[in-house]
Amino acid sequence: MKDNQNDLYETSDLGIAAYFIVKGQQLISAEKRPGRYSFTFLGKDECQKLAVGYVNTEFSHFDAALKNLKSLIK
């Protein structure tokens, strides 16, 4: 994995991580850190493009609805 260190993309956003998986990006690691999650994917450039495009998808609307519902029951 040392050769790929510069080609990694990390996110703590569960919705974006799920979107990357649906789009075929390779998940390298998933961790729970204090107060947040961490997901690391191979293919930094492609992940950056997908992250920008994510905002205009139904996936982001679904993720926002989930977050709103969670906040209603806290």
Protein backbone atom coordinates (compact mmCIF):
# COMPACT_ATOMS: atom_id res chain seq x y z
CA MET A 1 0.00 0.00 0.00
CA LYS A 2 3.01 2.34 0.34
CA ASP A 3 3.00 2.93 -3.43
CA ASN A 4 -0.62 4.08 -3.22
CA GLN A 5 -0.29 6.55 -0.31
CA ASN A 6 -0.63 9.57 -2.62
CA ASP A 7 -3.65 8.03 -4.34
CA LEU A 8 -5.82 7.72 -1.22
CA TYR A 9 -8.93 9.71 -0.38
CA GLU A 10 -10.24 9.87 3.19
CA THR A 11 -13.70 10.97 4.27
CA SER A 12 -15.64 10.91 7.51
CA ASP A 13 -18.97 11.35 5.69
CA LEU A 14 -20.93 8.10 5.77
CA GLY A 15 -23.19 9.16 2.88
CA ILE A 16 -20.30 9.98 0.57
CA ALA A 17 -18.51 6.77 1.55
CA ALA A 18 -21.60 4.73 0.67
CA TYR A 19 -21.89 6.62 -2.63
CA PHE A 20 -18.27 5.83 -3.49
CA ILE A 21 -18.92 2.12 -2.88
CA VAL A 22 -22.02 2.19 -5.08
CA LYS A 23 -19.92 3.87 -7.79
CA GLY A 24 -17.28 1.13 -7.58
CA GLN A 25 -14.48 2.83 -5.66
CA GLN A 26 -12.25 0.47 -3.69
CA LEU A 27 -12.57 0.81 0.09
CA ILE A 28 -9.12 0.42 1.68
CA SER A 29 -10.05 0.90 5.35
CA ALA A 30 -12.93 1.81 7.64
CA GLU A 31 -12.38 2.90 11.22
CA LYS A 32 -14.31 4.40 14.08
CA ARG A 33 -12.27 7.17 15.65
CA PRO A 34 -13.28 9.18 18.70
CA GLY A 35 -16.30 11.20 17.63
CA ARG A 36 -16.27 10.23 13.95
CA TYR A 37 -15.81 7.59 11.28
CA SER A 38 -12.95 7.39 8.81
CA PHE A 39 -13.22 5.75 5.39
CA THR A 40 -10.23 5.53 3.05
CA PHE A 41 -10.59 4.83 -0.67
CA LEU A 42 -8.16 4.18 -3.48
CA GLY A 43 -8.34 6.60 -6.41
CA LYS A 44 -8.00 10.12 -5.03
CA ASP A 45 -8.75 11.98 -8.29
CA GLU A 46 -11.84 9.92 -9.07
CA CYS A 47 -13.10 10.23 -5.50
CA GLN A 48 -12.69 14.01 -5.63
CA LYS A 49 -14.77 14.12 -8.82
CA LEU A 50 -17.41 11.85 -7.31
CA ALA A 51 -17.54 13.93 -4.10
CA VAL A 52 -18.31 17.08 -6.09
CA GLY A 53 -20.90 15.28 -8.22
CA TYR A 54 -22.50 13.71 -5.14
CA VAL A 55 -24.13 17.01 -4.20
CA ASN A 56 -26.33 16.88 -7.31
CA THR A 57 -27.52 13.30 -6.85
CA GLU A 58 -30.51 11.65 -5.24
CA PHE A 59 -28.05 9.98 -2.88
CA SER A 60 -27.28 13.31 -1.21
CA HIS A 61 -30.99 14.10 -0.91
CA PHE A 62 -31.57 10.71 0.71
CA ASP A 63 -28.65 11.26 3.10
CA ALA A 64 -29.99 14.69 4.08
CA ALA A 65 -33.44 13.19 4.76
CA LEU A 66 -31.87 10.54 7.01
CA LYS A 67 -29.99 13.18 8.98
CA ASN A 68 -33.19 15.23 9.38
CA LEU A 69 -35.11 12.21 10.63
CA LYS A 70 -32.37 11.36 13.12
CA SER A 71 -32.45 14.90 14.49
CA LEU A 72 -36.22 14.64 15.02
CA ILE A 73 -35.88 11.69 17.39
CA LYS A 74 -32.86 12.84 19.43
